[in-house]
Amino acid sequence: MPVGGGVRRSTRRAWDHRHLLIRWSSRFARDRVKEIVERFGRVSHLRSSVLGRVTHSGTDGVVPLPRVKVFCVVPDGYGAHMSYRCNGCGFSSPKWMGFCPQCKLSEPLEAPHPAAESVPAIVNGGGGVRLPSGILEFDRVVGGGLVAGSSVLVGGEPGIGKSTLLLQLASAYAARGSTVLMATAEESVDQVAMRAERLGCENVSVVAEADVDRIIGHATTGEVAAVVVDSIQMVATAALTGVPGGVNQVRESAQRLVRFAKASGTTVVLVGHVTKDGSLAGPKQLEHLVDVVMSLEGEAELGLRVLRSQKNRFGATHQVGLFEMTDSGMREVTEPLLGQWTGDVAGTVAFAGMEGRRSVLVEIQALVAGASTPQPRRSVKGLEVARLHQILAVLDRHAGFCFGGYDVYVNVTGGLRIREPAADLPLALALVSSLVDQPLGRTAAWGEVGLTGEVRAVGATGHRREEATRAGLDVVAPTAGRDRIEAMIAAAGLTSSAQRGVVASGIDGHSHASVPSRGSAAVGSRD
């Protein structure tokens, strides 16, 4: 700035671009200020302050300047309630500061941008446009297709198939004439092209970009129906400091993408990482920002994948989609998971489970073998260990089947994890079938087993029975009231321990022995 004074725009982030910083010495008349004010428009007031002695670095070196005044020209009606906000924690202050005193962020507080005026609208329903993809399992979960202008978050374990599923989704939309942009921050374009060739995906627009603003710029250049960002933890914005994946970067990047989706009508699909406990990585606000939250689950070493909806502003959350991971990508599973199961081996039974409102047939297997150690082993996969211990205790106390000297192994085929108590009865039948070595045949069962030996009816019986009948299975299930566990075992055609001796394993070094039957005692009674 010249020694004689002048005008320059403020370099301090405290002032908006409409403010002017005017400096002059006592040698200049006040009409100079009036001339500047008339040039830049009417103002409501002038803020003035007195600075100490400052220096000016010119051609003659450092020259001390006289005491100067600083005037900020404020446009009319602006800044009456000015506040400055921290981008990290949201702290606000009426004065500008070069750091945040609350979260100790080294970035200065910023002035909020004036929000555009909005006009209230009367809502009478409708207004949303769905974009079906043609992948029926995916469309079922989201409620019939993606909604234009919505934001979707898809999370899952590493290697579960998130990128594969979304690449196939983008190709399905491209086959229907919609343009989908895939912005990948984890792979190069060549890597995505190799996977697309293996999956048979065509006409997908891919860009390797990690800057959110440039991704939005690419999406606005053409008529893009949807943008897939892989992943939200790997992109960032240059407006904030910090590495990608940080709390501030994830929150700000997601906010910019969601705002872009609402303003442009372009659907935004975000891929999210998960933590060690299975929850989505990043701030919880990320799940609040988006419209739909989905998770892709399954065992990484097995082929079955389950797509669940945890949040859906445009549909129900009880629907699930079933996929099978193959060499050619995700394949929809529309038939029962039993395959060529016949049930002619002891220790296996079909279970009609419920995934949301969809009935899924799975196979529950049990193996009861003699224990080789004093402490029998209990191995469970796909069910809770506590449920197994409870069923074993009920069978011993109320049905007369003792498993004390046996190793017990339980498995749910297909990699599914069953959490509903309706699996109690098929688990009990599979255990007894393996213990007495009697196959159950093509039988499906469901029911909740209580500690007193009763079997309660469970919900969605109609859906379960319909699915079992469609697969040609016999059904063993309690009625609307309560049945006994021993009655359910008899209904399945299994021989009670009161009518047939059971071979028990030796304990503490003793040899194997045959446990004699209890004569004519009633089933479930105790001597």
Protein backbone atom coordinates (compact mmCIF):
# COMPACT_ATOMS: atom_id res chain seq x y z
CA MET A 1 0.00 0.00 0.00
CA PRO A 2 1.37 3.46 -0.81
CA VAL A 3 2.65 5.55 2.06
CA GLY A 4 0.09 8.25 1.32
CA GLY A 5 -2.83 5.91 1.89
CA GLY A 6 -5.22 4.11 -0.41
CA VAL A 7 -7.91 1.47 -0.61
CA ARG A 8 -7.54 -2.27 -0.62
CA ARG A 9 -9.76 -5.23 0.04
CA SER A 10 -9.34 -6.82 3.40
CA THR A 11 -7.15 -9.88 3.64
CA ARG A 12 -8.61 -10.70 7.02
CA ARG A 13 -11.17 -13.51 6.83
CA ALA A 14 -13.32 -11.61 9.31
CA TRP A 15 -14.83 -9.39 6.63
CA ASP A 16 -17.08 -10.39 3.81
CA HIS A 17 -16.09 -9.54 0.24
CA ARG A 18 -18.53 -6.59 0.35
CA HIS A 19 -16.47 -4.82 3.02
CA LEU A 20 -13.72 -2.34 2.24
CA LEU A 21 -10.77 -1.51 4.42
CA ILE A 22 -9.74 2.16 4.11
CA ARG A 23 -6.48 3.48 5.54
CA TRP A 24 -5.26 7.04 5.38
CA SER A 25 -2.99 9.37 7.29
CA SER A 26 -3.84 12.72 8.80
CA ARG A 27 -2.49 14.46 5.69
CA PHE A 28 -5.52 13.39 3.66
CA ALA A 29 -8.83 15.16 3.94
CA ARG A 30 -12.03 13.45 4.90
CA ASP A 31 -13.54 14.15 1.50
CA ARG A 32 -11.30 11.34 0.21
CA VAL A 33 -13.31 8.93 2.36
CA LYS A 34 -16.58 10.47 1.15
CA GLU A 35 -15.47 9.98 -2.43
CA ILE A 36 -14.78 6.30 -1.79
CA VAL A 37 -18.12 5.84 0.00
CA GLU A 38 -20.01 7.48 -2.89
CA ARG A 39 -18.21 5.22 -5.32
CA PHE A 40 -19.04 1.99 -3.55
CA GLY A 41 -22.60 2.81 -2.47
CA ARG A 42 -24.60 4.00 0.50
CA VAL A 43 -23.53 2.74 3.92
CA SER A 44 -25.32 2.55 7.23
CA HIS A 45 -22.41 3.40 9.50
CA LEU A 46 -18.63 3.49 9.69
CA ARG A 47 -16.67 1.38 12.10
CA SER A 48 -13.45 3.00 13.17
CA SER A 49 -10.57 2.02 15.38
CA VAL A 50 -7.15 3.43 16.07
CA LEU A 51 -4.10 1.32 15.40
CA GLY A 52 -0.64 1.72 16.78
CA ARG A 53 2.34 2.72 14.77
CA VAL A 54 2.76 0.54 11.72
CA THR A 55 5.57 0.20 9.25
CA HIS A 56 5.57 0.15 5.49
CA SER A 57 8.10 -1.88 3.54
CA GLY A 58 8.93 0.12 0.42
CA THR A 59 11.86 0.81 -1.82
CA ASP A 60 13.47 2.89 0.92
CA GLY A 61 13.28 0.10 3.45
CA VAL A 62 11.06 0.02 6.50
CA VAL A 63 9.50 3.43 7.00
CA PRO A 64 7.41 4.21 10.11
CA LEU A 65 3.97 5.58 9.28
CA PRO A 66 1.94 7.97 11.40
CA ARG A 67 -0.99 6.75 13.45
CA VAL A 68 -3.68 5.65 11.07
CA LYS A 69 -7.38 4.97 11.30
CA VAL A 70 -9.13 1.91 9.88
CA PHE A 71 -12.66 2.30 8.56
CA CYS A 72 -14.78 -0.60 7.42
CA VAL A 73 -17.51 0.34 4.97
CA VAL A 74 -20.51 -1.84 5.80
CA PRO A 75 -23.34 -2.11 3.25
CA ASP A 76 -26.75 -1.07 4.43
CA GLY A 77 -28.56 -3.73 6.45
CA TYR A 78 -25.60 -6.08 6.58
CA GLY A 79 -23.79 -7.22 9.72
CA ALA A 80 -26.36 -6.08 12.25
CA HIS A 81 -26.20 -9.53 13.88
CA MET A 82 -22.86 -10.76 12.53
CA SER A 83 -21.38 -13.89 14.12
CA TYR A 84 -18.35 -15.96 13.21
CA ARG A 85 -18.43 -19.74 13.29
CA CYS A 86 -15.89 -22.53 13.71
CA ASN A 87 -16.00 -25.17 11.01
CA GLY A 88 -14.79 -27.82 13.43
CA CYS A 89 -17.09 -27.71 16.46
CA GLY A 90 -19.66 -25.08 15.48
CA PHE A 91 -18.57 -22.54 18.10
CA SER A 92 -19.83 -19.02 17.28
CA SER A 93 -18.51 -15.64 18.39
CA PRO A 94 -19.57 -12.04 17.68
CA LYS A 95 -15.92 -11.17 17.04
CA TRP A 96 -13.52 -12.63 14.56
CA MET A 97 -10.70 -14.76 15.99
CA GLY A 98 -7.82 -16.50 14.32
CA PHE A 99 -8.45 -19.77 16.17
CA CYS A 100 -11.28 -21.56 17.95
CA PRO A 101 -11.09 -21.19 21.73
CA GLN A 102 -13.35 -24.21 22.22
CA CYS A 103 -11.84 -27.01 20.12
CA LYS A 104 -8.42 -25.29 19.71
CA LEU A 105 -8.63 -25.54 15.92
CA SER A 106 -5.92 -23.42 14.33
CA GLU A 107 -8.20 -22.22 11.52
CA PRO A 108 -9.84 -18.79 11.92
CA LEU A 109 -13.55 -18.36 12.49
CA GLU A 110 -15.54 -17.72 9.32
CA ALA A 111 -18.48 -15.45 8.63
CA PRO A 112 -21.62 -17.32 7.58
CA HIS A 113 -22.84 -16.87 4.05
CA PRO A 114 -26.29 -15.30 3.72
CA ALA A 115 -28.81 -18.05 3.05
CA ALA A 116 -31.05 -17.80 0.03
CA GLU A 117 -34.63 -16.97 0.74
CA SER A 118 -37.04 -19.89 0.59
CA VAL A 119 -40.72 -19.85 -0.20
CA PRO A 120 -43.10 -22.14 1.73
CA ALA A 121 -44.87 -24.72 -0.42
CA ILE A 122 -48.06 -26.66 0.18
CA VAL A 123 -47.42 -30.41 0.06
CA ASN A 124 -50.25 -32.66 -1.11
CA GLY A 125 -48.23 -35.84 -1.60
CA GLY A 126 -46.26 -37.07 -4.58
CA GLY A 127 -43.41 -35.03 -5.98
CA GLY A 128 -40.86 -37.84 -5.84
CA VAL A 129 -39.56 -39.60 -8.94
CA ARG A 130 -38.19 -43.11 -8.51
CA LEU A 131 -35.52 -44.56 -10.76
CA PRO A 132 -35.82 -48.38 -10.87
CA SER A 133 -32.56 -50.11 -11.66
CA GLY A 134 -33.82 -53.47 -12.84
CA ILE A 135 -31.94 -55.27 -10.04
CA LEU A 136 -35.01 -56.53 -8.21
CA GLU A 137 -33.30 -57.33 -4.91
CA PHE A 138 -31.82 -53.83 -4.71
CA ASP A 139 -35.04 -52.12 -5.75
CA ARG A 140 -36.95 -54.09 -3.10
CA VAL A 141 -34.70 -52.76 -0.32
CA VAL A 142 -34.92 -49.09 -1.36
CA GLY A 143 -38.68 -49.28 -1.95
CA GLY A 144 -38.94 -49.60 -5.73
CA GLY A 145 -35.92 -47.66 -6.95
CA LEU A 146 -33.73 -44.71 -6.04
CA VAL A 147 -35.49 -41.38 -5.53
CA ALA A 148 -34.20 -38.49 -7.63
CA GLY A 149 -32.25 -36.03 -5.49
CA SER A 150 -31.85 -38.46 -2.59
CA SER A 151 -28.66 -39.43 -0.79
CA VAL A 152 -27.86 -43.08 -0.01
CA LEU A 153 -25.15 -44.47 2.27
CA VAL A 154 -24.01 -48.09 1.78
CA GLY A 155 -21.74 -49.60 4.43
CA GLY A 156 -20.12 -52.97 4.89
CA GLU A 157 -17.00 -54.90 5.83
CA PRO A 158 -13.93 -54.74 3.55
CA GLY A 159 -14.25 -57.19 0.68
CA ILE A 160 -17.97 -57.78 1.21
CA GLY A 161 -18.81 -56.51 -2.30
CA LYS A 162 -19.91 -52.87 -1.95
CA SER A 163 -17.96 -51.59 -4.95
CA THR A 164 -18.95 -54.61 -7.02
CA LEU A 165 -22.65 -54.17 -6.29
CA LEU A 166 -22.60 -50.44 -7.04
CA LEU A 167 -20.64 -50.94 -10.26
CA GLN A 168 -23.30 -53.41 -11.40
CA LEU A 169 -25.96 -50.91 -10.30
CA ALA A 170 -24.36 -48.17 -12.40
CA SER A 171 -24.23 -50.50 -15.40
CA ALA A 172 -27.90 -51.42 -14.91
CA TYR A 173 -28.87 -47.74 -14.94
CA ALA A 174 -26.71 -47.15 -18.01
CA ALA A 175 -28.53 -49.97 -19.80
CA ARG A 176 -31.79 -48.10 -19.12
CA GLY A 177 -30.48 -44.88 -20.65
CA SER A 178 -29.41 -43.07 -17.46
CA THR A 179 -25.91 -41.68 -16.97
CA VAL A 180 -24.15 -42.65 -13.76
CA LEU A 181 -20.81 -41.15 -12.68
CA MET A 182 -18.57 -43.30 -10.48
CA ALA A 183 -16.01 -41.22 -8.57
CA THR A 184 -13.43 -43.53 -7.04
CA ALA A 185 -10.84 -42.30 -4.57
CA GLU A 186 -9.52 -45.78 -3.75
CA GLU A 187 -8.80 -47.16 -7.21
CA SER A 188 -7.54 -45.94 -10.53
CA VAL A 189 -9.65 -45.83 -13.67
CA ASP A 190 -7.75 -48.82 -15.09
CA GLN A 191 -8.49 -50.92 -12.00
CA VAL A 192 -12.20 -50.13 -12.24
CA ALA A 193 -12.11 -50.93 -15.95
CA MET A 194 -10.59 -54.35 -15.25
CA ARG A 195 -13.33 -55.17 -12.76
CA ALA A 196 -16.01 -53.85 -15.11
CA GLU A 197 -14.71 -56.15 -17.87
CA ARG A 198 -14.85 -59.15 -15.53
CA LEU A 199 -18.39 -58.29 -14.40
CA GLY A 200 -19.62 -57.46 -17.88
CA CYS A 201 -20.46 -53.83 -17.01
CA GLU A 202 -20.61 -51.32 -19.86
CA ASN A 203 -21.19 -47.61 -20.48
CA VAL A 204 -20.21 -46.53 -16.97
CA SER A 205 -18.52 -43.14 -16.58
CA VAL A 206 -15.59 -43.38 -14.13
CA VAL A 207 -13.34 -40.67 -12.72
CA ALA A 208 -10.51 -41.12 -10.22
CA GLU A 209 -10.95 -38.07 -8.00
CA ALA A 210 -10.60 -37.39 -4.29
CA ASP A 211 -11.70 -33.73 -4.20
CA VAL A 212 -15.39 -33.27 -3.43
CA ASP A 213 -15.71 -29.95 -5.23
CA ARG A 214 -14.21 -31.36 -8.42
CA ILE A 215 -16.50 -34.41 -8.19
CA ILE A 216 -19.49 -32.08 -8.01
CA GLY A 217 -18.06 -30.14 -10.94
CA HIS A 218 -17.86 -33.33 -13.03
CA ALA A 219 -21.45 -34.17 -12.12
CA THR A 220 -22.74 -30.78 -13.25
CA THR A 221 -21.12 -30.87 -16.68
CA GLY A 222 -23.64 -33.35 -18.12
CA GLU A 223 -27.03 -34.86 -17.49
CA VAL A 224 -25.98 -37.20 -14.70
CA ALA A 225 -28.77 -39.15 -12.99
CA ALA A 226 -26.67 -40.50 -10.12
CA VAL A 227 -23.20 -40.10 -8.63
CA VAL A 228 -21.44 -42.93 -6.77
CA VAL A 229 -18.64 -41.80 -4.42
CA ASP A 230 -16.31 -44.60 -3.33
CA SER A 231 -15.76 -43.83 -0.56
CA ILE A 232 -16.80 -40.92 1.65
CA GLN A 233 -13.87 -41.60 4.01
CA MET A 234 -11.36 -41.14 1.18
CA VAL A 235 -12.55 -37.82 -0.28
CA ALA A 236 -11.94 -34.35 1.10
CA THR A 237 -12.45 -30.67 0.42
CA ALA A 238 -9.69 -28.10 0.05
CA ALA A 239 -11.66 -25.63 2.18
CA LEU A 240 -10.68 -27.53 5.34
CA THR A 241 -7.41 -28.81 6.67
CA GLY A 242 -6.88 -32.36 7.81
CA VAL A 243 -6.50 -35.71 6.13
CA PRO A 244 -9.39 -37.52 4.39
CA GLY A 245 -11.36 -39.64 6.82
CA GLY A 246 -11.20 -37.13 9.65
CA VAL A 247 -14.37 -36.10 11.40
CA ASN A 248 -14.42 -32.59 9.91
CA GLN A 249 -13.58 -33.75 6.39
CA VAL A 250 -16.19 -36.54 6.39
CA ARG A 251 -18.90 -34.24 7.73
CA GLU A 252 -18.16 -31.34 5.38
CA SER A 253 -17.76 -33.60 2.32
CA ALA A 254 -21.05 -35.35 3.05
CA GLN A 255 -22.84 -32.04 3.60
CA ARG A 256 -21.63 -30.67 0.26
CA LEU A 257 -22.68 -33.81 -1.60
CA VAL A 258 -26.10 -33.89 0.07
CA ARG A 259 -26.68 -30.21 -0.70
CA PHE A 260 -25.70 -30.86 -4.31
CA ALA A 261 -28.17 -33.75 -4.50
CA LYS A 262 -31.06 -31.67 -3.15
CA ALA A 263 -30.31 -28.68 -5.36
CA SER A 264 -29.70 -30.53 -8.63
CA GLY A 265 -31.99 -33.54 -8.31
CA THR A 266 -29.04 -35.91 -8.84
CA THR A 267 -29.00 -39.02 -6.67
CA VAL A 268 -25.82 -39.39 -4.62
CA VAL A 269 -24.69 -42.83 -3.41
CA LEU A 270 -21.92 -42.87 -0.81
CA VAL A 271 -19.82 -45.88 0.14
CA GLY A 272 -19.00 -45.96 3.85
CA HIS A 273 -16.34 -47.82 5.80
CA VAL A 274 -17.11 -49.64 9.04
CA THR A 275 -15.22 -49.90 12.32
CA LYS A 276 -14.09 -53.04 14.12
CA ASP A 277 -17.45 -53.41 15.87
CA GLY A 278 -19.34 -53.19 12.58
CA SER A 279 -20.71 -49.64 12.91
CA LEU A 280 -20.24 -47.01 10.21
CA ALA A 281 -17.02 -45.07 10.52
CA GLY A 282 -17.13 -41.32 10.96
CA PRO A 283 -19.46 -39.03 12.88
CA LYS A 284 -22.99 -40.18 13.66
CA GLN A 285 -24.15 -37.05 11.86
CA LEU A 286 -23.26 -38.82 8.62
CA GLU A 287 -26.20 -41.20 9.08
CA HIS A 288 -28.50 -38.30 9.96
CA LEU A 289 -27.55 -36.35 6.85
CA VAL A 290 -28.44 -38.98 4.25
CA ASP A 291 -31.91 -40.23 3.33
CA VAL A 292 -31.17 -43.96 3.13
CA VAL A 293 -28.69 -46.06 5.14
CA MET A 294 -28.04 -49.61 3.95
CA SER A 295 -25.60 -52.28 5.08
CA LEU A 296 -24.22 -55.20 3.10
CA GLU A 297 -23.63 -58.17 5.39
CA GLY A 298 -22.37 -61.73 5.10
CA GLU A 299 -19.36 -63.90 5.70
CA ALA A 300 -16.42 -62.83 3.57
CA GLU A 301 -15.39 -66.43 2.87
CA LEU A 302 -18.94 -67.46 1.91
CA GLY A 303 -20.94 -66.35 -1.10
CA LEU A 304 -24.22 -65.19 0.44
CA ARG A 305 -24.72 -61.43 0.94
CA VAL A 306 -27.66 -59.75 2.67
CA LEU A 307 -28.52 -56.12 1.86
CA ARG A 308 -30.45 -54.52 4.73
CA SER A 309 -32.05 -51.10 5.07
CA GLN A 310 -31.43 -49.42 8.42
CA LYS A 311 -32.98 -46.08 7.50
CA ASN A 312 -35.24 -45.13 4.60
CA ARG A 313 -37.10 -41.84 4.37
CA PHE A 314 -38.93 -42.99 1.25
CA GLY A 315 -39.88 -46.56 2.14
CA ALA A 316 -39.94 -49.32 4.72
CA THR A 317 -36.89 -50.65 6.53
CA HIS A 318 -38.02 -54.27 6.93
CA GLN A 319 -37.09 -55.38 3.41
CA VAL A 320 -33.87 -57.25 2.63
CA GLY A 321 -32.13 -58.26 -0.57
CA LEU A 322 -30.25 -61.53 -1.04
CA PHE A 323 -27.22 -61.81 -3.32
CA GLU A 324 -24.62 -64.44 -3.99
CA MET A 325 -21.05 -63.40 -4.72
CA THR A 326 -19.79 -65.24 -7.80
CA ASP A 327 -16.90 -64.87 -10.24
CA SER A 328 -19.13 -62.73 -12.46
CA GLY A 329 -20.30 -60.44 -9.66
CA MET A 330 -23.37 -60.28 -7.47
CA ARG A 331 -26.15 -62.65 -8.47
CA GLU A 332 -29.67 -62.18 -7.17
CA VAL A 333 -31.00 -65.00 -4.98
CA THR A 334 -34.72 -65.47 -5.60
CA GLU A 335 -35.09 -69.21 -4.87
CA PRO A 336 -34.85 -70.91 -1.45
CA LEU A 337 -31.33 -71.33 -0.09
CA LEU A 338 -31.83 -75.05 0.48
CA GLY A 339 -30.74 -76.02 -3.03
CA GLN A 340 -30.80 -79.82 -3.40
CA TRP A 341 -31.36 -80.43 0.30
CA THR A 342 -33.33 -83.62 0.98
CA GLY A 343 -33.16 -84.02 4.76
CA ASP A 344 -32.31 -87.73 4.62
CA VAL A 345 -29.39 -87.29 7.04
CA ALA A 346 -29.83 -87.13 10.81
CA GLY A 347 -29.26 -83.77 12.46
CA THR A 348 -30.57 -81.43 9.77
CA VAL A 349 -33.84 -79.48 9.50
CA ALA A 350 -35.12 -76.52 7.49
CA PHE A 351 -35.97 -73.26 9.20
CA ALA A 352 -38.31 -70.65 7.70
CA GLY A 353 -36.72 -67.48 9.01
CA MET A 354 -37.84 -63.92 8.47
CA GLU A 355 -35.58 -61.28 6.98
CA GLY A 356 -37.74 -58.20 7.37
CA ARG A 357 -41.05 -59.27 5.89
CA ARG A 358 -39.47 -61.82 3.60
CA SER A 359 -39.38 -65.50 4.54
CA VAL A 360 -36.09 -67.25 3.81
CA LEU A 361 -35.55 -71.00 4.07
CA VAL A 362 -32.21 -72.01 5.52
CA GLU A 363 -30.80 -75.26 6.81
CA ILE A 364 -29.84 -75.75 10.46
CA GLN A 365 -27.37 -78.56 11.06
CA ALA A 366 -26.45 -80.22 14.36
CA LEU A 367 -23.85 -82.85 15.12
CA VAL A 368 -23.79 -84.68 18.45
CA ALA A 369 -20.65 -86.79 18.97
CA GLY A 370 -19.06 -88.47 21.94
CA ALA A 371 -16.76 -86.23 23.95
CA SER A 372 -13.11 -87.20 24.14
CA THR A 373 -12.37 -84.84 27.03
CA PRO A 374 -14.00 -84.38 30.44
CA GLN A 375 -15.28 -80.98 29.31
CA PRO A 376 -17.63 -81.40 26.30
CA ARG A 377 -17.28 -78.87 23.53
CA ARG A 378 -20.01 -76.52 22.29
CA SER A 379 -19.39 -74.97 18.87
CA VAL A 380 -21.99 -72.68 17.26
CA LYS A 381 -21.93 -70.78 13.97
CA GLY A 382 -24.82 -68.59 12.87
CA LEU A 383 -26.69 -68.74 16.21
CA GLU A 384 -26.11 -67.40 19.70
CA VAL A 385 -24.25 -69.72 22.04
CA ALA A 386 -26.58 -68.78 24.90
CA ARG A 387 -29.58 -70.06 22.91
CA LEU A 388 -27.86 -73.42 22.40
CA HIS A 389 -27.14 -73.79 26.12
CA GLN A 390 -30.76 -72.94 26.91
CA ILE A 391 -32.16 -75.50 24.44
CA LEU A 392 -29.83 -78.21 25.77
CA ALA A 393 -31.03 -77.53 29.32
CA VAL A 394 -34.71 -77.62 28.28
CA LEU A 395 -34.26 -80.92 26.41
CA ASP A 396 -32.56 -82.46 29.42
CA ARG A 397 -35.09 -81.25 31.97
CA HIS A 398 -38.41 -81.57 30.10
CA ALA A 399 -37.81 -84.07 27.26
CA GLY A 400 -35.34 -86.48 28.86
CA PHE A 401 -32.51 -86.03 26.33
CA CYS A 402 -29.15 -85.58 28.08
CA PHE A 403 -26.20 -84.08 26.21
CA GLY A 404 -23.81 -83.92 29.16
CA GLY A 405 -21.27 -86.35 27.72
CA TYR A 406 -21.37 -85.17 24.14
CA ASP A 407 -19.67 -82.60 21.95
CA VAL A 408 -22.29 -80.47 20.19
CA TYR A 409 -21.70 -78.65 16.91
CA VAL A 410 -24.34 -76.36 15.34
CA ASN A 411 -24.15 -74.58 11.99
CA VAL A 412 -26.45 -72.42 9.85
CA THR A 413 -25.71 -72.98 6.17
CA GLY A 414 -25.26 -70.12 3.74
CA GLY A 415 -23.46 -67.87 6.20
CA LEU A 416 -26.63 -66.34 7.63
CA ARG A 417 -26.80 -65.17 11.22
CA ILE A 418 -30.12 -65.93 12.89
CA ARG A 419 -31.17 -63.66 15.72
CA GLU A 420 -34.87 -64.43 16.10
CA PRO A 421 -36.08 -66.89 18.80
CA ALA A 422 -38.19 -68.74 16.22
CA ALA A 423 -35.10 -70.87 15.53
CA ASP A 424 -35.38 -72.56 18.94
CA LEU A 425 -37.64 -75.42 17.80
CA PRO A 426 -35.67 -76.37 14.64
CA LEU A 427 -32.49 -76.25 16.69
CA ALA A 428 -34.00 -78.62 19.28
CA LEU A 429 -35.23 -81.00 16.57
CA ALA A 430 -31.84 -81.05 14.86
CA LEU A 431 -30.11 -81.82 18.16
CA VAL A 432 -32.47 -84.68 19.03
CA SER A 433 -32.30 -86.04 15.47
CA SER A 434 -28.51 -86.21 15.63
CA LEU A 435 -28.57 -87.68 19.14
CA VAL A 436 -30.94 -90.55 18.30
CA ASP A 437 -29.64 -90.82 14.71
CA GLN A 438 -33.05 -90.44 13.04
CA PRO A 439 -33.44 -88.27 9.93
CA LEU A 440 -36.31 -85.80 9.89
CA GLY A 441 -36.84 -85.83 6.14
CA ARG A 442 -37.93 -82.71 4.27
CA THR A 443 -39.26 -80.90 7.32
CA ALA A 444 -39.41 -77.20 8.15
CA ALA A 445 -39.95 -75.98 11.70
CA TRP A 446 -40.21 -72.78 13.70
CA GLY A 447 -41.23 -71.84 17.24
CA GLU A 448 -39.88 -70.28 20.42
CA VAL A 449 -38.97 -72.68 23.23
CA GLY A 450 -39.44 -71.45 26.80
CA LEU A 451 -37.58 -72.50 29.91
CA THR A 452 -40.63 -74.41 31.17
CA GLY A 453 -40.72 -76.62 28.07
CA GLU A 454 -43.55 -74.88 26.22
CA VAL A 455 -43.27 -73.94 22.55
CA ARG A 456 -44.84 -70.61 21.66
CA ALA A 457 -46.10 -69.49 18.28
CA VAL A 458 -44.15 -66.74 16.53
CA GLY A 459 -45.10 -63.98 14.17
CA ALA A 460 -45.45 -64.10 10.38
CA THR A 461 -46.64 -67.72 10.50
CA GLY A 462 -48.51 -67.29 7.24
CA HIS A 463 -45.41 -66.11 5.36
CA ARG A 464 -43.32 -68.93 6.81
CA ARG A 465 -45.87 -71.63 5.97
CA GLU A 466 -46.33 -70.25 2.46
CA GLU A 467 -42.59 -70.39 1.77
CA ALA A 468 -42.30 -73.94 3.21
CA THR A 469 -45.26 -75.14 1.16
CA ARG A 470 -43.80 -73.61 -2.01
CA ALA A 471 -40.61 -75.62 -1.40
CA GLY A 472 -42.61 -78.83 -0.80
CA LEU A 473 -41.68 -79.23 2.88
CA ASP A 474 -43.62 -80.70 5.79
CA VAL A 475 -44.25 -78.26 8.63
CA VAL A 476 -43.74 -78.77 12.38
CA ALA A 477 -44.82 -75.66 14.25
CA PRO A 478 -46.89 -74.77 17.31
CA THR A 479 -50.49 -73.71 16.96
CA ALA A 480 -51.90 -70.39 18.09
CA GLY A 481 -51.68 -71.62 21.70
CA ARG A 482 -48.75 -73.26 23.46
CA ASP A 483 -47.49 -76.81 22.84
CA ARG A 484 -44.98 -78.86 24.75
CA ILE A 485 -41.49 -79.55 23.47
CA GLU A 486 -41.98 -83.31 23.85
CA ALA A 487 -45.15 -83.09 21.72
CA MET A 488 -43.24 -81.25 18.99
CA ILE A 489 -40.51 -83.90 19.04
CA ALA A 490 -43.14 -86.63 18.71
CA ALA A 491 -44.87 -84.73 15.89
CA ALA A 492 -41.57 -84.71 14.01
CA GLY A 493 -41.43 -88.53 14.22
CA LEU A 494 -38.48 -88.75 16.59
CA THR A 495 -38.27 -91.51 19.21
CA SER A 496 -38.33 -90.33 22.78
CA SER A 497 -35.54 -91.23 25.16
CA ALA A 498 -38.16 -92.98 27.30
CA GLN A 499 -38.66 -95.54 24.50
CA ARG A 500 -35.11 -95.93 23.23
CA GLY A 501 -31.78 -96.21 25.00
CA VAL A 502 -29.26 -93.48 24.39
CA VAL A 503 -25.54 -94.11 24.23
CA ALA A 504 -23.65 -91.75 26.53
CA SER A 505 -19.99 -90.93 26.34
CA GLY A 506 -17.62 -91.85 29.10
CA ILE A 507 -16.60 -89.17 31.59
CA ASP A 508 -13.49 -88.93 33.73
CA GLY A 509 -11.87 -91.91 32.04
CA HIS A 510 -14.82 -94.30 32.37
CA SER A 511 -15.81 -96.37 29.38
CA HIS A 512 -18.82 -95.65 27.20
CA ALA A 513 -22.07 -97.00 28.60
CA SER A 514 -25.67 -97.38 27.50
CA VAL A 515 -28.24 -95.36 29.40
CA PRO A 516 -31.29 -97.60 29.91
CA SER A 517 -34.77 -96.39 29.07
CA ARG A 518 -37.04 -95.10 31.81
CA GLY A 519 -39.70 -97.74 31.32
CA SER A 520 -43.26 -96.53 31.19
CA ALA A 521 -42.56 -93.14 32.75
CA ALA A 522 -44.27 -90.24 30.99
CA VAL A 523 -42.24 -88.26 28.50
CA GLY A 524 -40.61 -85.35 30.21
CA SER A 525 -41.09 -86.67 33.73
CA ARG A 526 -38.26 -87.03 36.20
CA ASP A 527 -37.57 -90.00 38.47
